Amino acid sequence: MRTQLDNVNFTSKIKLISMSSFNDKTKCLSPKIHEVGYPWNADTMKKGKKLFTTQIMDCIAGGIIDNNSITMFHQCILNQKNAKKYRQQGFSISKLERRILEKIDLTKENLHAFILGGFQLEDNSKYNVRQLEKIKQIFEKFHIPYSIFAARRDVHFFGKFAAYYDNKEDTLYISNSLTDSYRLSDDKKDFELEVNDKGVIYHTYTPKPPYIRTKHEGTSEDFLKSQFRQVKLSQFDEFA
């Protein structure tokens, strides 16, 4: 059985980038080999040195990283009944766990993971929190440290998240479709979300009309905490 390491002598990088930069990094990759795509379920999980997934809204994505590769999933959270309407597989935590264990070696040192996505719009909202907790329990059961950016808040404008891991750079790149996009109803045409070398410019809104907009300048961590209720880095990760 694995145990978490008390002393970690290296850290993987987690870097927030614009969608245009994300597209530049992944445009030369083969979707067939490198993309964890639709229909998002346990069977679309992949293992490789460079993998990416996009359009993360209420789904929950994640990856398990070792020294040589990443195993990445993008999991739809529809129940079995609703999934049949769309001719998809419903959420099955047992199947997700089985596929993960088929692809990873639990004896590997420096094994660590990340979770990205899911909704918890209000403090007492359930939505897919139950599914999120089950995914977390897989990592906890096998003592795999994980960073988490999950349980999305009611943020008024919902951009879709994307994740790309490059083994050579040992970096997880995260992006959002709102980067470098104008808010159409804003006469000043401020970017809704902008990522640059100095940090992140983002906006928050009051929860009820008239939805007063407040501009913030901060770090990647600041932005992710404005988006998600659960944000925490494992001892294996740091923000770039």
Protein backbone atom coordinates (compact mmCIF):
# COMPACT_ATOMS: atom_id res chain seq x y z
CA MET A 1 0.00 0.00 0.00
CA ARG A 2 1.27 3.43 -0.92
CA THR A 3 1.83 6.11 1.70
CA GLN A 4 2.14 9.84 1.12
CA LEU A 5 5.69 11.16 1.20
CA ASP A 6 6.59 13.52 4.02
CA ASN A 7 9.47 15.06 2.11
CA VAL A 8 9.00 15.97 -1.55
CA ASN A 9 12.11 17.13 -3.37
CA PHE A 10 10.37 18.32 -6.53
CA THR A 11 7.14 19.96 -7.59
CA SER A 12 5.06 19.79 -10.74
CA LYS A 13 3.87 23.10 -12.16
CA ILE A 14 0.29 24.25 -12.56
CA LYS A 15 -0.08 27.19 -14.91
CA LEU A 16 -3.14 29.18 -15.95
CA ILE A 17 -2.94 30.32 -19.58
CA SER A 18 -5.15 31.98 -22.17
CA MET A 19 -7.25 29.85 -24.51
CA SER A 20 -5.24 31.07 -27.48
CA SER A 21 -2.02 29.87 -25.79
CA PHE A 22 -3.70 26.59 -24.91
CA ASN A 23 -4.73 26.09 -28.53
CA ASP A 24 -1.20 26.87 -29.71
CA LYS A 25 0.20 24.20 -27.38
CA THR A 26 -2.26 21.50 -28.48
CA LYS A 27 -2.87 22.28 -32.17
CA CYS A 28 -0.10 19.96 -33.38
CA LEU A 29 -1.27 17.05 -31.21
CA SER A 30 -3.38 14.27 -32.70
CA PRO A 31 -6.87 14.25 -31.12
CA LYS A 32 -7.04 10.49 -31.65
CA ILE A 33 -3.90 9.97 -29.53
CA HIS A 34 -3.75 12.97 -27.22
CA GLU A 35 -7.32 14.20 -26.59
CA VAL A 36 -9.60 12.80 -23.90
CA GLY A 37 -12.78 13.60 -25.75
CA TYR A 38 -16.48 12.92 -26.13
CA PRO A 39 -18.39 10.87 -25.02
CA TRP A 40 -16.82 11.65 -21.68
CA ASN A 41 -16.81 8.48 -19.60
CA ALA A 42 -14.47 5.95 -17.99
CA ASP A 43 -13.78 4.23 -21.31
CA THR A 44 -12.43 7.41 -22.94
CA MET A 45 -9.66 7.61 -20.33
CA LYS A 46 -6.16 7.74 -21.87
CA LYS A 47 -2.56 7.38 -20.78
CA GLY A 48 0.34 9.21 -22.43
CA LYS A 49 3.07 11.80 -22.14
CA LYS A 50 0.93 14.64 -23.51
CA LEU A 51 -2.83 14.64 -23.01
CA PHE A 52 -5.53 17.28 -23.04
CA THR A 53 -9.26 17.69 -22.62
CA THR A 54 -11.59 20.64 -23.20
CA GLN A 55 -15.18 21.81 -22.61
CA ILE A 56 -15.20 21.07 -18.89
CA MET A 57 -18.41 22.60 -17.58
CA ASP A 58 -20.32 20.45 -15.09
CA CYS A 59 -18.26 17.34 -15.89
CA ILE A 60 -15.36 16.36 -13.66
CA ALA A 61 -11.92 15.86 -15.20
CA GLY A 62 -8.74 14.64 -13.59
CA GLY A 63 -5.40 13.02 -14.05
CA ILE A 64 -2.90 10.79 -12.27
CA ILE A 65 0.73 11.73 -12.92
CA ASP A 66 3.87 9.67 -12.46
CA ASN A 67 7.44 10.38 -13.57
CA ASN A 68 6.79 9.18 -17.13
CA SER A 69 3.16 9.80 -18.05
CA ILE A 70 -0.32 10.97 -17.15
CA THR A 71 -3.56 9.01 -17.05
CA MET A 72 -6.37 11.49 -17.78
CA PHE A 73 -10.15 11.21 -17.56
CA HIS A 74 -13.08 13.48 -18.33
CA GLN A 75 -16.16 12.10 -16.63
CA CYS A 76 -19.76 12.99 -17.46
CA ILE A 77 -21.90 13.00 -14.31
CA LEU A 78 -25.29 12.02 -15.81
CA ASN A 79 -27.11 9.28 -13.94
CA GLN A 80 -27.97 6.06 -15.77
CA LYS A 81 -31.56 7.10 -16.57
CA ASN A 82 -30.67 10.48 -18.07
CA ALA A 83 -27.62 9.08 -19.85
CA LYS A 84 -29.81 6.71 -21.87
CA LYS A 85 -31.63 9.69 -23.40
CA TYR A 86 -28.35 10.84 -24.92
CA ARG A 87 -27.11 7.33 -25.67
CA GLN A 88 -24.26 7.75 -23.23
CA GLN A 89 -22.89 5.82 -20.29
CA GLY A 90 -24.05 7.04 -16.92
CA PHE A 91 -21.72 7.90 -14.07
CA SER A 92 -20.22 4.76 -12.53
CA ILE A 93 -17.61 5.26 -9.82
CA SER A 94 -16.77 1.54 -9.79
CA LYS A 95 -16.00 1.58 -13.51
CA LEU A 96 -13.94 4.77 -13.21
CA GLU A 97 -11.91 3.24 -10.37
CA ARG A 98 -11.40 0.02 -12.33
CA ARG A 99 -10.14 1.85 -15.41
CA ILE A 100 -7.77 3.97 -13.32
CA LEU A 101 -6.28 0.92 -11.64
CA GLU A 102 -5.82 -0.78 -15.02
CA LYS A 103 -3.66 2.11 -16.21
CA ILE A 104 -1.59 3.21 -13.23
CA ASP A 105 1.07 1.53 -11.13
CA LEU A 106 0.38 2.20 -7.46
CA THR A 107 3.98 1.37 -6.54
CA LYS A 108 5.37 4.31 -8.52
CA GLU A 109 7.04 7.00 -6.47
CA ASN A 110 5.88 10.59 -6.85
CA LEU A 111 2.42 9.49 -7.98
CA HIS A 112 0.04 12.42 -7.63
CA ALA A 113 -3.19 13.66 -9.19
CA PHE A 114 -5.50 16.58 -9.90
CA ILE A 115 -9.27 17.08 -10.08
CA LEU A 116 -10.92 19.86 -12.10
CA GLY A 117 -14.61 20.65 -12.49
CA GLY A 118 -18.01 19.90 -11.00
CA PHE A 119 -20.70 22.28 -9.76
CA GLN A 120 -21.81 23.45 -6.33
CA LEU A 121 -23.52 26.70 -7.18
CA GLU A 122 -24.79 27.54 -3.69
CA ASP A 123 -23.44 26.71 -0.22
CA ASN A 124 -26.13 24.09 0.36
CA SER A 125 -26.35 22.94 -3.26
CA LYS A 126 -25.89 19.23 -3.97
CA TYR A 127 -25.73 19.09 -7.79
CA ASN A 128 -22.78 16.73 -8.48
CA VAL A 129 -20.99 17.12 -5.15
CA ARG A 130 -21.75 13.47 -4.37
CA GLN A 131 -19.97 12.31 -7.53
CA LEU A 132 -17.06 14.64 -6.79
CA GLU A 133 -16.66 13.20 -3.30
CA LYS A 134 -16.61 9.67 -4.71
CA ILE A 135 -13.79 10.60 -7.11
CA LYS A 136 -11.83 12.15 -4.26
CA GLN A 137 -12.32 8.96 -2.26
CA ILE A 138 -10.59 6.90 -4.97
CA PHE A 139 -7.39 8.93 -4.53
CA GLU A 140 -7.70 8.91 -0.75
CA LYS A 141 -8.32 5.17 -0.70
CA PHE A 142 -5.05 4.52 -2.54
CA HIS A 143 -3.14 7.33 -0.78
CA ILE A 144 -2.60 9.36 -3.97
CA PRO A 145 -2.07 13.05 -3.13
CA TYR A 146 -4.15 15.35 -5.32
CA SER A 147 -4.61 19.00 -6.14
CA ILE A 148 -8.21 20.07 -6.55
CA PHE A 149 -10.07 22.86 -8.34
CA ALA A 150 -13.67 21.75 -8.01
CA ALA A 151 -17.26 22.46 -6.93
CA ARG A 152 -17.87 25.50 -9.12
CA ARG A 153 -19.59 28.54 -7.69
CA ASP A 154 -22.43 30.55 -9.24
CA VAL A 155 -20.14 32.90 -11.18
CA HIS A 156 -22.73 34.43 -13.57
CA PHE A 157 -20.61 33.84 -16.69
CA PHE A 158 -19.62 30.19 -17.15
CA GLY A 159 -16.63 29.70 -19.38
CA LYS A 160 -15.58 26.16 -20.17
CA PHE A 161 -12.33 24.94 -18.65
CA ALA A 162 -9.61 22.94 -20.40
CA ALA A 163 -6.58 21.00 -19.14
CA TYR A 164 -3.34 19.94 -20.84
CA TYR A 165 -0.45 18.07 -19.25
CA ASP A 166 3.02 17.97 -20.81
CA ASN A 167 5.26 15.31 -19.25
CA LYS A 168 8.50 16.80 -20.58
CA GLU A 169 7.70 20.13 -18.94
CA ASP A 170 5.97 18.42 -15.98
CA THR A 171 3.32 21.13 -16.20
CA LEU A 172 -0.45 21.08 -16.05
CA TYR A 173 -1.87 23.93 -18.13
CA ILE A 174 -5.38 25.12 -17.28
CA SER A 175 -7.42 27.50 -19.39
CA ASN A 176 -10.92 28.91 -19.67
CA SER A 177 -12.88 29.80 -22.79
CA LEU A 178 -13.60 33.30 -21.42
CA THR A 179 -9.95 34.35 -21.65
CA ASP A 180 -9.36 37.22 -24.05
CA SER A 181 -13.09 37.48 -24.81
CA TYR A 182 -15.10 40.66 -24.52
CA ARG A 183 -18.29 40.88 -22.53
CA LEU A 184 -20.77 41.77 -25.25
CA SER A 185 -22.98 43.96 -23.07
CA ASP A 186 -20.06 46.03 -21.80
CA ASP A 187 -19.62 49.30 -23.71
CA LYS A 188 -16.01 49.58 -22.55
CA LYS A 189 -15.28 46.12 -23.99
CA ASP A 190 -13.18 45.01 -21.05
CA PHE A 191 -12.00 41.44 -21.23
CA GLU A 192 -14.10 39.16 -19.05
CA LEU A 193 -10.96 37.21 -18.17
CA GLU A 194 -7.37 38.02 -19.11
CA VAL A 195 -4.22 36.07 -18.33
CA ASN A 196 -0.85 37.76 -18.81
CA ASP A 197 2.71 37.68 -17.47
CA LYS A 198 1.75 39.87 -14.52
CA GLY A 199 -1.18 37.76 -13.36
CA VAL A 200 -4.91 37.41 -13.96
CA ILE A 201 -7.60 40.04 -14.48
CA TYR A 202 -11.04 38.65 -13.73
CA HIS A 203 -14.50 39.79 -12.60
CA THR A 204 -16.98 38.77 -9.95
CA TYR A 205 -20.68 39.56 -9.74
CA THR A 206 -23.27 40.07 -7.02
CA PRO A 207 -25.55 37.01 -6.79
CA LYS A 208 -28.76 38.84 -7.68
CA PRO A 209 -29.80 41.48 -10.27
CA PRO A 210 -28.58 43.99 -11.26
CA TYR A 211 -25.42 41.80 -11.05
CA ILE A 212 -22.89 44.45 -10.07
CA ARG A 213 -19.55 43.65 -11.67
CA THR A 214 -16.26 44.02 -9.76
CA LYS A 215 -12.87 43.87 -11.42
CA HIS A 216 -9.98 42.06 -9.73
CA GLU A 217 -6.28 41.72 -10.46
CA GLY A 218 -4.64 38.74 -8.80
CA THR A 219 -2.93 35.40 -9.12
CA SER A 220 -4.01 32.15 -10.74
CA GLU A 221 -4.91 30.89 -7.28
CA ASP A 222 -7.06 33.97 -6.64
CA PHE A 223 -8.98 33.41 -9.86
CA LEU A 224 -9.51 29.69 -9.26
CA LYS A 225 -10.77 30.39 -5.74
CA SER A 226 -13.28 32.85 -7.21
CA GLN A 227 -14.52 30.05 -9.47
CA PHE A 228 -14.43 26.97 -7.23
CA ARG A 229 -15.34 26.16 -3.63
CA GLN A 230 -12.60 23.56 -3.28
CA VAL A 231 -9.10 24.77 -4.25
CA LYS A 232 -6.04 23.14 -2.73
CA LEU A 233 -2.61 22.07 -3.96
CA SER A 234 -0.97 18.79 -3.01
CA GLN A 235 2.61 18.79 -1.77
CA PHE A 236 3.67 17.72 -5.27
CA ASP A 237 2.36 20.83 -7.03
CA GLU A 238 2.94 24.57 -7.17
CA PHE A 239 1.56 27.41 -9.27
CA ALA A 240 3.93 28.59 -11.99
